[in-house]
Amino acid sequence: LARDYLAPLIQGEDYPPYKNGTPQYAKLKNTLVSKKLKGRFRI
């Protein structure tokens, strides 16, 4: 039913957890990946 689909939207936004008054978001690892292309890439 439409009510089941819309129920999370009706409840409102899911706020992130807070720590010391600021939102605590996920921490990214930001690791580098090896290159797969050999040489330069031209269009």
C-alpha atoms as a PDB file:
ATOM      1  CA  LEU A   1       0.000   0.000   0.000  1.00  0.00           C
ATOM      2  CA  ALA A   2       1.010   3.598  -0.435  1.00  0.00           C
ATOM      3  CA  ARG A   3       0.861   4.154   3.335  1.00  0.00           C
ATOM      4  CA  ASP A   4       3.582   1.522   3.915  1.00  0.00           C
ATOM      5  CA  TYR A   5       5.787   3.166   1.284  1.00  0.00           C
ATOM      6  CA  LEU A   6       5.272   6.698   2.602  1.00  0.00           C
ATOM      7  CA  ALA A   7       5.487   5.909   6.346  1.00  0.00           C
ATOM      8  CA  PRO A   8       9.252   6.638   6.641  1.00  0.00           C
ATOM      9  CA  LEU A   9       8.770   9.930   4.796  1.00  0.00           C
ATOM     10  CA  ILE A  10       5.891  10.930   7.069  1.00  0.00           C
ATOM     11  CA  GLN A  11       7.962  10.233  10.214  1.00  0.00           C
ATOM     12  CA  GLY A  12      10.640  12.712   9.139  1.00  0.00           C
ATOM     13  CA  GLU A  13      14.368  12.846   8.567  1.00  0.00           C
ATOM     14  CA  ASP A  14      16.705  10.322  10.197  1.00  0.00           C
ATOM     15  CA  TYR A  15      19.303  12.544  11.860  1.00  0.00           C
ATOM     16  CA  PRO A  16      22.880  11.305  12.406  1.00  0.00           C
ATOM     17  CA  PRO A  17      24.166  10.671  15.921  1.00  0.00           C
ATOM     18  CA  TYR A  18      25.695  13.710  17.635  1.00  0.00           C
ATOM     19  CA  LYS A  19      28.962  13.907  19.580  1.00  0.00           C
ATOM     20  CA  ASN A  20      29.900  17.098  21.463  1.00  0.00           C
ATOM     21  CA  GLY A  21      27.167  19.016  19.648  1.00  0.00           C
ATOM     22  CA  THR A  22      28.306  18.174  16.099  1.00  0.00           C
ATOM     23  CA  PRO A  23      27.021  15.420  13.802  1.00  0.00           C
ATOM     24  CA  GLN A  24      29.157  12.276  13.785  1.00  0.00           C
ATOM     25  CA  TYR A  25      29.375  11.099  10.174  1.00  0.00           C
ATOM     26  CA  ALA A  26      31.054   8.022   8.731  1.00  0.00           C
ATOM     27  CA  LYS A  27      34.827   8.141   8.468  1.00  0.00           C
ATOM     28  CA  LEU A  28      36.224   7.342   5.025  1.00  0.00           C
ATOM     29  CA  LYS A  29      39.474   5.409   4.578  1.00  0.00           C
ATOM     30  CA  ASN A  30      40.426   7.243   1.325  1.00  0.00           C
ATOM     31  CA  THR A  31      42.814   4.542   0.120  1.00  0.00           C
ATOM     32  CA  LEU A  32      44.471   4.887  -3.272  1.00  0.00           C
ATOM     33  CA  VAL A  33      43.789   2.348  -6.000  1.00  0.00           C
ATOM     34  CA  SER A  34      46.298   1.181  -8.579  1.00  0.00           C
ATOM     35  CA  LYS A  35      46.077   2.544 -12.116  1.00  0.00           C
ATOM     36  CA  LYS A  36      44.578   0.242 -14.737  1.00  0.00           C
ATOM     37  CA  LEU A  37      45.351   2.281 -17.864  1.00  0.00           C
ATOM     38  CA  LYS A  38      48.770   2.102 -19.490  1.00  0.00           C
ATOM     39  CA  GLY A  39      49.969   5.440 -20.820  1.00  0.00           C
ATOM     40  CA  ARG A  40      47.766   8.469 -21.336  1.00  0.00           C
ATOM     41  CA  PHE A  41      44.005   8.516 -21.777  1.00  0.00           C
ATOM     42  CA  ARG A  42      42.846  10.425 -24.854  1.00  0.00           C
ATOM     43  CA  ILE A  43      39.319  11.107 -26.025  1.00  0.00           C
END
